Amino acid sequence: MARPYPPVEPYAHGLLDVGDGNKIYWETTGNPGGKAALCVHGGPGSGGGRGSRRMFDPEVYRIVLFDQRGCGESRPHASDPTVGLDHNTTEHLIADMERLREHLGIECWLLYGGSWGSTLILAYAERHPARVSEIVIAGVTMTRPEETDWLYHGVGRLLPGPWEAFRDALPAADRGGDLVAAYHRLVNSPDEAVRSKAARDWCAWEDAVIAHEALGAPAAYSDRPDDALMAFVRICTHYFANDAWLEDGQLLRDAGRLAGIPAVLIHGRLDLGSPLKTAWELSKAWPGAELKVIDDSGHTGSRTMRDAILAATERFGRAGQ
């Protein structure tokens, strides 16, 4: 059985000024002269999980992590209600990734991530295909309106109790409408108590969706510091209430731009929050993409999914030597 590589510490890190008053945190580990790989975190607003670097052989790869605008160690932090999010959009994040690539002197890089990270990877790669050597996605999403509607409305058919609690935590006037937009308003309320309660209620629902999974912790989203939790929910609701500033179906429509980029799409068959249909559709539209369906995995992954990720990065690492 494949195992993650041992933990490694960064050999370089910094804050990159990306404009609009934002500085994004970045770090590099592994081999400074190795094959470049960028880890793109989910959320949006989760911050870069440092454990993702263990999916890459540090003797082969130059592993780059970064925290997207407003979260993690990037500044200013979206937990501060005075920090506006007008300059935090998918377009801004694509530009930040390009600025980071140029700052680090990287010609092209492998992109790795999942969940929201999948959407951002696809948006970046379709804009800059010549800068992408390979792609590994674990948990395919494209943040289409139908996917957001499923996660915050449709899947409630399978989890009626937690979903009703999620809905009923809103003011009565908002319960029959767009729940994401309603939460977006609440987490931007001038009242700190209102913001805090809304963020906790949002994460309770996120927790419920994955709690049934074999590796799903009961408080996977809620069990984070208050500042990180608030930034996560503010940024999530900001993106999802605006359909991530993508045209409906844009990433699938433009998947032909990815032709020639080797890719492994890894998706759990038991993923309730992000059903397999999205990965299936993308694999059919993307020439050369290989879809691996993991029968024992949900959104939080499994050992089998981890092994598939490691196999993909090891294969692409050998190809780069």
C-alpha atoms as a PDB file:
ATOM      1  CA  MET A   1       0.000   0.000   0.000  1.00  0.00           C
ATOM      2  CA  ALA A   2       1.313   3.451  -0.907  1.00  0.00           C
ATOM      3  CA  ARG A   3       1.853   5.845   1.961  1.00  0.00           C
ATOM      4  CA  PRO A   4       2.174   9.626   2.085  1.00  0.00           C
ATOM      5  CA  TYR A   5       5.702  10.954   2.081  1.00  0.00           C
ATOM      6  CA  PRO A   6       7.222  12.072   5.398  1.00  0.00           C
ATOM      7  CA  PRO A   7       6.489  15.632   6.519  1.00  0.00           C
ATOM      8  CA  VAL A   8       8.888  18.210   5.129  1.00  0.00           C
ATOM      9  CA  GLU A   9       9.330  21.828   6.131  1.00  0.00           C
ATOM     10  CA  PRO A  10       9.423  24.749   3.683  1.00  0.00           C
ATOM     11  CA  TYR A  11      12.786  25.897   2.426  1.00  0.00           C
ATOM     12  CA  ALA A  12      11.264  29.224   1.351  1.00  0.00           C
ATOM     13  CA  HIS A  13       8.090  31.164   2.086  1.00  0.00           C
ATOM     14  CA  GLY A  14       6.738  34.673   1.875  1.00  0.00           C
ATOM     15  CA  LEU A  15       3.869  37.066   1.324  1.00  0.00           C
ATOM     16  CA  LEU A  16       3.344  38.089  -2.295  1.00  0.00           C
ATOM     17  CA  ASP A  17       1.691  41.431  -2.991  1.00  0.00           C
ATOM     18  CA  VAL A  18      -1.045  40.701  -5.541  1.00  0.00           C
ATOM     19  CA  GLY A  19      -2.646  44.128  -5.536  1.00  0.00           C
ATOM     20  CA  ASP A  20      -5.882  45.532  -4.131  1.00  0.00           C
ATOM     21  CA  GLY A  21      -4.230  45.586  -0.711  1.00  0.00           C
ATOM     22  CA  ASN A  22      -3.897  41.784  -0.670  1.00  0.00           C
ATOM     23  CA  LYS A  23      -0.836  39.699   0.093  1.00  0.00           C
ATOM     24  CA  ILE A  24      -1.007  35.941  -0.390  1.00  0.00           C
ATOM     25  CA  TYR A  25       1.056  33.529   1.662  1.00  0.00           C
ATOM     26  CA  TRP A  26       3.144  30.983  -0.254  1.00  0.00           C
ATOM     27  CA  GLU A  27       5.723  28.361   0.587  1.00  0.00           C
ATOM     28  CA  THR A  28       7.911  25.880  -1.247  1.00  0.00           C
ATOM     29  CA  THR A  29       9.134  22.487  -0.055  1.00  0.00           C
ATOM     30  CA  GLY A  30      10.984  19.569  -1.566  1.00  0.00           C
ATOM     31  CA  ASN A  31      13.576  19.831  -4.329  1.00  0.00           C
ATOM     32  CA  PRO A  32      14.272  23.438  -5.435  1.00  0.00           C
ATOM     33  CA  GLY A  33      15.305  22.114  -8.844  1.00  0.00           C
ATOM     34  CA  GLY A  34      12.511  19.570  -9.110  1.00  0.00           C
ATOM     35  CA  LYS A  35       9.310  19.338 -11.088  1.00  0.00           C
ATOM     36  CA  ALA A  36       6.971  22.138  -9.962  1.00  0.00           C
ATOM     37  CA  ALA A  37       3.605  21.222  -8.456  1.00  0.00           C
ATOM     38  CA  LEU A  38       1.036  23.653  -7.061  1.00  0.00           C
ATOM     39  CA  CYS A  39      -1.420  22.546  -4.369  1.00  0.00           C
ATOM     40  CA  VAL A  40      -4.728  24.402  -4.773  1.00  0.00           C
ATOM     41  CA  HIS A  41      -6.878  24.288  -1.651  1.00  0.00           C
ATOM     42  CA  GLY A  42     -10.616  23.965  -1.378  1.00  0.00           C
ATOM     43  CA  GLY A  43     -13.299  25.843   0.470  1.00  0.00           C
ATOM     44  CA  PRO A  44     -13.205  28.379  -0.968  1.00  0.00           C
ATOM     45  CA  GLY A  45     -11.622  30.019   2.047  1.00  0.00           C
ATOM     46  CA  SER A  46     -10.234  26.939   3.796  1.00  0.00           C
ATOM     47  CA  GLY A  47      -6.589  27.883   3.506  1.00  0.00           C
ATOM     48  CA  GLY A  48      -3.933  25.545   2.204  1.00  0.00           C
ATOM     49  CA  GLY A  49      -3.789  22.292   4.148  1.00  0.00           C
ATOM     50  CA  ARG A  50      -0.101  21.737   4.763  1.00  0.00           C
ATOM     51  CA  GLY A  51      -0.575  17.979   4.681  1.00  0.00           C
ATOM     52  CA  SER A  52      -1.183  18.071   0.921  1.00  0.00           C
ATOM     53  CA  ARG A  53       2.546  18.412   0.342  1.00  0.00           C
ATOM     54  CA  ARG A  54       2.882  14.804   1.541  1.00  0.00           C
ATOM     55  CA  MET A  55       1.258  13.622  -1.684  1.00  0.00           C
ATOM     56  CA  PHE A  56       4.486  14.449  -3.547  1.00  0.00           C
ATOM     57  CA  ASP A  57       7.955  12.917  -3.462  1.00  0.00           C
ATOM     58  CA  PRO A  58      10.086  15.752  -2.035  1.00  0.00           C
ATOM     59  CA  GLU A  59      13.151  14.481  -3.885  1.00  0.00           C
ATOM     60  CA  VAL A  60      11.353  14.769  -7.223  1.00  0.00           C
ATOM     61  CA  TYR A  61       9.010  17.734  -6.796  1.00  0.00           C
ATOM     62  CA  ARG A  62       9.274  21.412  -6.001  1.00  0.00           C
ATOM     63  CA  ILE A  63       6.040  21.613  -4.019  1.00  0.00           C
ATOM     64  CA  VAL A  64       4.283  24.976  -3.886  1.00  0.00           C
ATOM     65  CA  LEU A  65       1.444  25.781  -1.484  1.00  0.00           C
ATOM     66  CA  PHE A  66      -0.447  29.038  -1.172  1.00  0.00           C
ATOM     67  CA  ASP A  67      -3.360  30.462   0.769  1.00  0.00           C
ATOM     68  CA  GLN A  68      -5.969  32.102  -1.433  1.00  0.00           C
ATOM     69  CA  ARG A  69      -7.035  35.668  -0.735  1.00  0.00           C
ATOM     70  CA  GLY A  70      -8.536  36.343   2.672  1.00  0.00           C
ATOM     71  CA  CYS A  71      -7.736  33.031   4.372  1.00  0.00           C
ATOM     72  CA  GLY A  72      -4.960  31.035   5.979  1.00  0.00           C
ATOM     73  CA  GLU A  73      -1.883  33.198   6.420  1.00  0.00           C
ATOM     74  CA  SER A  74      -2.805  35.585   3.597  1.00  0.00           C
ATOM     75  CA  ARG A  75      -3.624  39.150   4.516  1.00  0.00           C
ATOM     76  CA  PRO A  76      -5.930  40.919   5.123  1.00  0.00           C
ATOM     77  CA  HIS A  77      -7.998  38.146   6.672  1.00  0.00           C
ATOM     78  CA  ALA A  78     -11.680  37.778   5.802  1.00  0.00           C
ATOM     79  CA  SER A  79     -12.566  37.063   9.441  1.00  0.00           C
ATOM     80  CA  ASP A  80     -12.396  40.836   9.924  1.00  0.00           C
ATOM     81  CA  PRO A  81     -15.852  42.165   8.961  1.00  0.00           C
ATOM     82  CA  THR A  82     -14.293  45.411   7.733  1.00  0.00           C
ATOM     83  CA  VAL A  83     -12.328  43.514   5.073  1.00  0.00           C
ATOM     84  CA  GLY A  84     -14.298  43.765   1.861  1.00  0.00           C
ATOM     85  CA  LEU A  85     -14.464  40.903  -0.626  1.00  0.00           C
ATOM     86  CA  ASP A  86     -15.019  42.915  -3.801  1.00  0.00           C
ATOM     87  CA  HIS A  87     -11.490  42.037  -4.921  1.00  0.00           C
ATOM     88  CA  ASN A  88     -11.834  38.361  -4.066  1.00  0.00           C
ATOM     89  CA  THR A  89     -13.245  36.574  -7.110  1.00  0.00           C
ATOM     90  CA  THR A  90     -12.273  33.678  -9.346  1.00  0.00           C
ATOM     91  CA  GLU A  91     -10.662  36.132 -11.763  1.00  0.00           C
ATOM     92  CA  HIS A  92      -8.520  37.549  -8.964  1.00  0.00           C
ATOM     93  CA  LEU A  93      -7.429  34.070  -7.866  1.00  0.00           C
ATOM     94  CA  ILE A  94      -6.468  33.067 -11.416  1.00  0.00           C
ATOM     95  CA  ALA A  95      -4.361  36.219 -11.655  1.00  0.00           C
ATOM     96  CA  ASP A  96      -2.803  35.507  -8.251  1.00  0.00           C
ATOM     97  CA  MET A  97      -1.742  32.039  -9.368  1.00  0.00           C
ATOM     98  CA  GLU A  98      -0.101  33.473 -12.476  1.00  0.00           C
ATOM     99  CA  ARG A  99       1.658  36.154 -10.442  1.00  0.00           C
ATOM    100  CA  LEU A 100       2.934  33.498  -8.036  1.00  0.00           C
ATOM    101  CA  ARG A 101       4.189  31.337 -10.908  1.00  0.00           C
ATOM    102  CA  GLU A 102       6.089  34.266 -12.350  1.00  0.00           C
ATOM    103  CA  HIS A 103       7.399  35.285  -8.926  1.00  0.00           C
ATOM    104  CA  LEU A 104       8.841  31.798  -8.384  1.00  0.00           C
ATOM    105  CA  GLY A 105      10.287  31.602 -11.893  1.00  0.00           C
ATOM    106  CA  ILE A 106       8.292  28.511 -12.843  1.00  0.00           C
ATOM    107  CA  GLU A 107       7.670  27.826 -16.539  1.00  0.00           C
ATOM    108  CA  CYS A 108       4.808  25.381 -15.996  1.00  0.00           C
ATOM    109  CA  TRP A 109       3.501  23.301 -13.126  1.00  0.00           C
ATOM    110  CA  LEU A 110       1.387  20.343 -12.204  1.00  0.00           C
ATOM    111  CA  LEU A 111      -1.859  21.389 -10.498  1.00  0.00           C
ATOM    112  CA  TYR A 112      -3.275  19.335  -7.632  1.00  0.00           C
ATOM    113  CA  GLY A 113      -6.402  19.880  -5.554  1.00  0.00           C
ATOM    114  CA  GLY A 114     -10.038  19.018  -5.078  1.00  0.00           C
ATOM    115  CA  SER A 115     -13.495  20.309  -4.215  1.00  0.00           C
ATOM    116  CA  TRP A 116     -13.414  24.109  -4.756  1.00  0.00           C
ATOM    117  CA  GLY A 117      -9.746  23.633  -5.679  1.00  0.00           C
ATOM    118  CA  SER A 118     -10.940  21.616  -8.665  1.00  0.00           C
ATOM    119  CA  THR A 119     -13.001  24.534  -9.950  1.00  0.00           C
ATOM    120  CA  LEU A 120     -10.099  26.955  -9.577  1.00  0.00           C
ATOM    121  CA  ILE A 121      -7.668  24.509 -11.209  1.00  0.00           C
ATOM    122  CA  LEU A 122      -9.971  24.124 -14.217  1.00  0.00           C
ATOM    123  CA  ALA A 123     -10.570  27.867 -14.521  1.00  0.00           C
ATOM    124  CA  TYR A 124      -6.828  28.566 -14.393  1.00  0.00           C
ATOM    125  CA  ALA A 125      -5.885  25.760 -16.780  1.00  0.00           C
ATOM    126  CA  GLU A 126      -8.477  26.768 -19.354  1.00  0.00           C
ATOM    127  CA  ARG A 127      -7.092  30.324 -19.221  1.00  0.00           C
ATOM    128  CA  HIS A 128      -3.406  29.315 -19.214  1.00  0.00           C
ATOM    129  CA  PRO A 129      -3.130  25.789 -20.682  1.00  0.00           C
ATOM    130  CA  ALA A 130       0.493  26.294 -21.730  1.00  0.00           C
ATOM    131  CA  ARG A 131       1.448  26.810 -18.093  1.00  0.00           C
ATOM    132  CA  VAL A 132       0.030  23.468 -16.908  1.00  0.00           C
ATOM    133  CA  SER A 133       2.038  20.259 -17.282  1.00  0.00           C
ATOM    134  CA  GLU A 134      -0.462  17.829 -15.676  1.00  0.00           C
ATOM    135  CA  ILE A 135      -3.516  17.911 -13.428  1.00  0.00           C
ATOM    136  CA  VAL A 136      -4.518  15.662 -10.536  1.00  0.00           C
ATOM    137  CA  ILE A 137      -7.963  16.307  -9.045  1.00  0.00           C
ATOM    138  CA  ALA A 138      -9.382  14.452  -6.057  1.00  0.00           C
ATOM    139  CA  GLY A 139     -13.046  15.429  -5.841  1.00  0.00           C
ATOM    140  CA  VAL A 140     -14.231  17.085  -9.049  1.00  0.00           C
ATOM    141  CA  THR A 141     -16.399  20.198  -8.910  1.00  0.00           C
ATOM    142  CA  MET A 142     -17.164  22.958 -11.389  1.00  0.00           C
ATOM    143  CA  THR A 143     -19.290  25.161  -9.075  1.00  0.00           C
ATOM    144  CA  ARG A 144     -22.184  25.245 -11.491  1.00  0.00           C
ATOM    145  CA  PRO A 145     -25.480  26.556 -10.081  1.00  0.00           C
ATOM    146  CA  GLU A 146     -26.914  23.029 -10.171  1.00  0.00           C
ATOM    147  CA  GLU A 147     -24.020  21.779  -8.004  1.00  0.00           C
ATOM    148  CA  THR A 148     -24.461  24.548  -5.441  1.00  0.00           C
ATOM    149  CA  ASP A 149     -28.217  24.005  -5.408  1.00  0.00           C
ATOM    150  CA  TRP A 150     -27.670  20.297  -4.776  1.00  0.00           C
ATOM    151  CA  LEU A 151     -25.258  20.865  -1.875  1.00  0.00           C
ATOM    152  CA  TYR A 152     -27.415  23.406  -0.040  1.00  0.00           C
ATOM    153  CA  HIS A 153     -30.890  22.257  -1.072  1.00  0.00           C
ATOM    154  CA  GLY A 154     -31.147  18.964  -2.929  1.00  0.00           C
ATOM    155  CA  VAL A 155     -29.065  16.716  -0.707  1.00  0.00           C
ATOM    156  CA  GLY A 156     -31.388  17.692   2.132  1.00  0.00           C
ATOM    157  CA  ARG A 157     -33.674  14.934   0.834  1.00  0.00           C
ATOM    158  CA  LEU A 158     -31.137  12.463   2.224  1.00  0.00           C
ATOM    159  CA  LEU A 159     -30.455  14.413   5.432  1.00  0.00           C
ATOM    160  CA  PRO A 160     -33.824  15.998   6.241  1.00  0.00           C
ATOM    161  CA  GLY A 161     -33.181  16.695   9.931  1.00  0.00           C
ATOM    162  CA  PRO A 162     -29.870  18.561   9.561  1.00  0.00           C
ATOM    163  CA  TRP A 163     -31.127  20.344   6.452  1.00  0.00           C
ATOM    164  CA  GLU A 164     -34.245  21.618   8.222  1.00  0.00           C
ATOM    165  CA  ALA A 165     -32.013  22.882  11.029  1.00  0.00           C
ATOM    166  CA  PHE A 166     -29.848  24.641   8.416  1.00  0.00           C
ATOM    167  CA  ARG A 167     -32.918  26.227   6.825  1.00  0.00           C
ATOM    168  CA  ASP A 168     -34.722  27.073  10.051  1.00  0.00           C
ATOM    169  CA  ALA A 169     -31.691  28.838  11.514  1.00  0.00           C
ATOM    170  CA  LEU A 170     -32.502  31.611   9.029  1.00  0.00           C
ATOM    171  CA  PRO A 171     -35.118  34.310   9.563  1.00  0.00           C
ATOM    172  CA  ALA A 172     -38.558  33.030   8.540  1.00  0.00           C
ATOM    173  CA  ALA A 173     -38.685  35.332   5.517  1.00  0.00           C
ATOM    174  CA  ASP A 174     -35.540  33.717   4.039  1.00  0.00           C
ATOM    175  CA  ARG A 175     -36.413  30.051   4.504  1.00  0.00           C
ATOM    176  CA  GLY A 176     -38.265  29.595   1.227  1.00  0.00           C
ATOM    177  CA  GLY A 177     -35.693  31.282  -0.975  1.00  0.00           C
ATOM    178  CA  ASP A 178     -31.998  31.148  -1.785  1.00  0.00           C
ATOM    179  CA  LEU A 179     -30.421  29.844   1.422  1.00  0.00           C
ATOM    180  CA  VAL A 180     -26.867  30.581   0.287  1.00  0.00           C
ATOM    181  CA  ALA A 181     -27.685  34.225  -0.419  1.00  0.00           C
ATOM    182  CA  ALA A 182     -29.436  34.491   2.950  1.00  0.00           C
ATOM    183  CA  TYR A 183     -26.418  33.142   4.816  1.00  0.00           C
ATOM    184  CA  HIS A 184     -24.202  35.470   2.801  1.00  0.00           C
ATOM    185  CA  ARG A 185     -26.183  38.433   4.128  1.00  0.00           C
ATOM    186  CA  LEU A 186     -26.065  37.167   7.710  1.00  0.00           C
ATOM    187  CA  VAL A 187     -22.305  36.587   7.840  1.00  0.00           C
ATOM    188  CA  ASN A 188     -21.858  40.153   6.663  1.00  0.00           C
ATOM    189  CA  SER A 189     -24.219  41.586   9.274  1.00  0.00           C
ATOM    190  CA  PRO A 190     -22.941  44.502  11.394  1.00  0.00           C
ATOM    191  CA  ASP A 191     -24.003  42.468  14.454  1.00  0.00           C
ATOM    192  CA  GLU A 192     -21.176  40.192  15.628  1.00  0.00           C
ATOM    193  CA  ALA A 193     -23.576  37.758  17.298  1.00  0.00           C
ATOM    194  CA  VAL A 194     -25.554  37.375  14.055  1.00  0.00           C
ATOM    195  CA  ARG A 195     -22.371  36.775  12.049  1.00  0.00           C
ATOM    196  CA  SER A 196     -21.048  34.218  14.498  1.00  0.00           C
ATOM    197  CA  LYS A 197     -24.300  32.240  14.725  1.00  0.00           C
ATOM    198  CA  ALA A 198     -24.697  32.158  10.945  1.00  0.00           C
ATOM    199  CA  ALA A 199     -21.148  30.892  10.476  1.00  0.00           C
ATOM    200  CA  ARG A 200     -21.686  28.137  13.047  1.00  0.00           C
ATOM    201  CA  ASP A 201     -25.023  27.118  11.511  1.00  0.00           C
ATOM    202  CA  TRP A 202     -23.470  26.982   8.042  1.00  0.00           C
ATOM    203  CA  CYS A 203     -20.633  24.741   9.226  1.00  0.00           C
ATOM    204  CA  ALA A 204     -23.045  22.475  11.108  1.00  0.00           C
ATOM    205  CA  TRP A 205     -24.684  21.691   7.766  1.00  0.00           C
ATOM    206  CA  GLU A 206     -21.337  21.187   6.020  1.00  0.00           C
ATOM    207  CA  ASP A 207     -20.402  18.804   8.845  1.00  0.00           C
ATOM    208  CA  ALA A 208     -23.644  16.857   8.459  1.00  0.00           C
ATOM    209  CA  VAL A 209     -23.103  16.230   4.749  1.00  0.00           C
ATOM    210  CA  ILE A 210     -19.816  14.406   5.315  1.00  0.00           C
ATOM    211  CA  ALA A 211     -20.299  13.047   8.848  1.00  0.00           C
ATOM    212  CA  HIS A 212     -21.729   9.782   7.455  1.00  0.00           C
ATOM    213  CA  GLU A 213     -18.522   9.032   5.547  1.00  0.00           C
ATOM    214  CA  ALA A 214     -16.096   6.409   6.819  1.00  0.00           C
ATOM    215  CA  LEU A 215     -13.439   9.076   7.405  1.00  0.00           C
ATOM    216  CA  GLY A 216     -15.855  11.956   7.981  1.00  0.00           C
ATOM    217  CA  ALA A 217     -15.169  13.613  11.330  1.00  0.00           C
ATOM    218  CA  PRO A 218     -18.294  14.802  13.169  1.00  0.00           C
ATOM    219  CA  ALA A 219     -17.058  18.417  13.214  1.00  0.00           C
ATOM    220  CA  ALA A 220     -14.752  18.550  10.213  1.00  0.00           C
ATOM    221  CA  TYR A 221     -15.748  22.103   9.290  1.00  0.00           C
ATOM    222  CA  SER A 222     -16.717  23.438  12.710  1.00  0.00           C
ATOM    223  CA  ASP A 223     -13.562  22.275  14.460  1.00  0.00           C
ATOM    224  CA  ARG A 224     -11.385  25.206  13.494  1.00  0.00           C
ATOM    225  CA  PRO A 225     -10.441  28.467  15.208  1.00  0.00           C
ATOM    226  CA  ASP A 226     -13.099  31.170  15.219  1.00  0.00           C
ATOM    227  CA  ASP A 227     -11.173  33.416  12.814  1.00  0.00           C
ATOM    228  CA  ALA A 228     -10.599  30.611  10.314  1.00  0.00           C
ATOM    229  CA  LEU A 229     -14.243  29.523  10.537  1.00  0.00           C
ATOM    230  CA  MET A 230     -15.552  33.037   9.916  1.00  0.00           C
ATOM    231  CA  ALA A 231     -13.232  33.600   6.956  1.00  0.00           C
ATOM    232  CA  PHE A 232     -14.229  30.240   5.500  1.00  0.00           C
ATOM    233  CA  VAL A 233     -17.973  30.967   5.647  1.00  0.00           C
ATOM    234  CA  ARG A 234     -17.693  34.574   4.469  1.00  0.00           C
ATOM    235  CA  ILE A 235     -15.646  33.504   1.458  1.00  0.00           C
ATOM    236  CA  CYS A 236     -17.748  30.385   0.713  1.00  0.00           C
ATOM    237  CA  THR A 237     -21.023  32.256   0.714  1.00  0.00           C
ATOM    238  CA  HIS A 238     -19.469  35.116  -1.278  1.00  0.00           C
ATOM    239  CA  TYR A 239     -18.388  32.748  -4.044  1.00  0.00           C
ATOM    240  CA  PHE A 240     -21.427  30.496  -4.086  1.00  0.00           C
ATOM    241  CA  ALA A 241     -23.942  33.356  -3.965  1.00  0.00           C
ATOM    242  CA  ASN A 242     -22.251  34.703  -7.107  1.00  0.00           C
ATOM    243  CA  ASP A 243     -21.868  31.350  -8.922  1.00  0.00           C
ATOM    244  CA  ALA A 244     -18.100  31.892  -8.643  1.00  0.00           C
ATOM    245  CA  TRP A 245     -18.412  34.545 -11.398  1.00  0.00           C
ATOM    246  CA  LEU A 246     -18.501  31.772 -13.984  1.00  0.00           C
ATOM    247  CA  GLU A 247     -21.041  31.377 -16.749  1.00  0.00           C
ATOM    248  CA  ASP A 248     -23.294  28.388 -16.165  1.00  0.00           C
ATOM    249  CA  GLY A 249     -21.447  25.400 -17.627  1.00  0.00           C
ATOM    250  CA  GLN A 250     -18.421  27.482 -18.661  1.00  0.00           C
ATOM    251  CA  LEU A 251     -15.755  25.085 -17.434  1.00  0.00           C
ATOM    252  CA  LEU A 252     -17.391  22.089 -19.075  1.00  0.00           C
ATOM    253  CA  ARG A 253     -18.020  24.017 -22.299  1.00  0.00           C
ATOM    254  CA  ASP A 254     -14.354  25.047 -22.520  1.00  0.00           C
ATOM    255  CA  ALA A 255     -12.858  21.696 -21.498  1.00  0.00           C
ATOM    256  CA  GLY A 256     -11.509  21.275 -25.025  1.00  0.00           C
ATOM    257  CA  ARG A 257      -8.869  23.866 -24.123  1.00  0.00           C
ATOM    258  CA  LEU A 258      -7.366  21.242 -21.808  1.00  0.00           C
ATOM    259  CA  ALA A 259      -6.632  18.814 -24.650  1.00  0.00           C
ATOM    260  CA  GLY A 260      -3.032  17.672 -24.409  1.00  0.00           C
ATOM    261  CA  ILE A 261      -2.792  18.133 -20.627  1.00  0.00           C
ATOM    262  CA  PRO A 262      -2.476  14.703 -18.989  1.00  0.00           C
ATOM    263  CA  ALA A 263      -4.925  14.405 -16.121  1.00  0.00           C
ATOM    264  CA  VAL A 264      -6.210  12.006 -13.509  1.00  0.00           C
ATOM    265  CA  LEU A 265      -9.671  12.764 -12.126  1.00  0.00           C
ATOM    266  CA  ILE A 266     -10.260  10.876  -8.876  1.00  0.00           C
ATOM    267  CA  HIS A 267     -13.745  10.873  -7.395  1.00  0.00           C
ATOM    268  CA  GLY A 268     -15.522   9.006  -4.624  1.00  0.00           C
ATOM    269  CA  ARG A 269     -18.634   7.131  -5.648  1.00  0.00           C
ATOM    270  CA  LEU A 270     -20.112   7.803  -2.181  1.00  0.00           C
ATOM    271  CA  ASP A 271     -19.635  11.580  -2.340  1.00  0.00           C
ATOM    272  CA  LEU A 272     -23.054  13.023  -1.399  1.00  0.00           C
ATOM    273  CA  GLY A 273     -22.049  16.672  -1.504  1.00  0.00           C
ATOM    274  CA  SER A 274     -20.406  16.501  -4.930  1.00  0.00           C
ATOM    275  CA  PRO A 275     -22.013  13.622  -6.835  1.00  0.00           C
ATOM    276  CA  LEU A 276     -20.022  11.608  -9.370  1.00  0.00           C
ATOM    277  CA  LYS A 277     -22.042  13.014 -12.280  1.00  0.00           C
ATOM    278  CA  THR A 278     -19.837  16.118 -12.442  1.00  0.00           C
ATOM    279  CA  ALA A 279     -16.609  14.129 -12.726  1.00  0.00           C
ATOM    280  CA  TRP A 280     -18.219  11.838 -15.292  1.00  0.00           C
ATOM    281  CA  GLU A 281     -19.322  14.752 -17.475  1.00  0.00           C
ATOM    282  CA  LEU A 282     -15.922  16.406 -17.297  1.00  0.00           C
ATOM    283  CA  SER A 283     -14.071  13.209 -18.217  1.00  0.00           C
ATOM    284  CA  LYS A 284     -16.230  12.832 -21.323  1.00  0.00           C
ATOM    285  CA  ALA A 285     -15.569  16.413 -22.415  1.00  0.00           C
ATOM    286  CA  TRP A 286     -11.823  16.436 -21.686  1.00  0.00           C
ATOM    287  CA  PRO A 287      -9.678  14.612 -24.261  1.00  0.00           C
ATOM    288  CA  GLY A 288      -7.084  12.525 -22.465  1.00  0.00           C
ATOM    289  CA  ALA A 289      -8.457  12.830 -18.935  1.00  0.00           C
ATOM    290  CA  GLU A 290      -8.511   9.574 -16.989  1.00  0.00           C
ATOM    291  CA  LEU A 291     -11.364   9.088 -14.512  1.00  0.00           C
ATOM    292  CA  LYS A 292     -10.782   6.868 -11.480  1.00  0.00           C
ATOM    293  CA  VAL A 293     -13.926   6.172  -9.453  1.00  0.00           C
ATOM    294  CA  ILE A 294     -13.166   5.204  -5.864  1.00  0.00           C
ATOM    295  CA  ASP A 295     -15.912   2.898  -4.654  1.00  0.00           C
ATOM    296  CA  ASP A 296     -15.203   3.220  -0.917  1.00  0.00           C
ATOM    297  CA  SER A 297     -14.735   6.991  -0.823  1.00  0.00           C
ATOM    298  CA  GLY A 298     -16.882  10.016  -0.165  1.00  0.00           C
ATOM    299  CA  HIS A 299     -15.843  13.670  -0.212  1.00  0.00           C
ATOM    300  CA  THR A 300     -13.339  13.257   2.607  1.00  0.00           C
ATOM    301  CA  GLY A 301     -11.463  10.525   0.802  1.00  0.00           C
ATOM    302  CA  SER A 302     -10.221   7.105   1.842  1.00  0.00           C
ATOM    303  CA  ARG A 303      -7.003   5.113   1.807  1.00  0.00           C
ATOM    304  CA  THR A 304      -7.909   3.906  -1.663  1.00  0.00           C
ATOM    305  CA  MET A 305      -8.313   7.499  -2.863  1.00  0.00           C
ATOM    306  CA  ARG A 306      -5.037   8.476  -1.199  1.00  0.00           C
ATOM    307  CA  ASP A 307      -3.291   5.619  -2.974  1.00  0.00           C
ATOM    308  CA  ALA A 308      -4.733   6.755  -6.306  1.00  0.00           C
ATOM    309  CA  ILE A 309      -3.449  10.297  -5.712  1.00  0.00           C
ATOM    310  CA  LEU A 310       0.017   9.024  -4.827  1.00  0.00           C
ATOM    311  CA  ALA A 311       0.074   6.764  -7.884  1.00  0.00           C
ATOM    312  CA  ALA A 312      -0.786   9.734 -10.110  1.00  0.00           C
ATOM    313  CA  THR A 313       1.856  12.062  -8.660  1.00  0.00           C
ATOM    314  CA  GLU A 314       4.478   9.305  -8.774  1.00  0.00           C
ATOM    315  CA  ARG A 315       3.659   8.577 -12.433  1.00  0.00           C
ATOM    316  CA  PHE A 316       3.798  12.212 -13.429  1.00  0.00           C
ATOM    317  CA  GLY A 317       6.954  12.675 -11.390  1.00  0.00           C
ATOM    318  CA  ARG A 318       8.689   9.908 -13.346  1.00  0.00           C
ATOM    319  CA  ALA A 319       7.497  11.448 -16.593  1.00  0.00           C
ATOM    320  CA  GLY A 320       9.199  14.700 -15.642  1.00  0.00           C
ATOM    321  CA  GLN A 321      12.587  13.096 -15.064  1.00  0.00           C
END
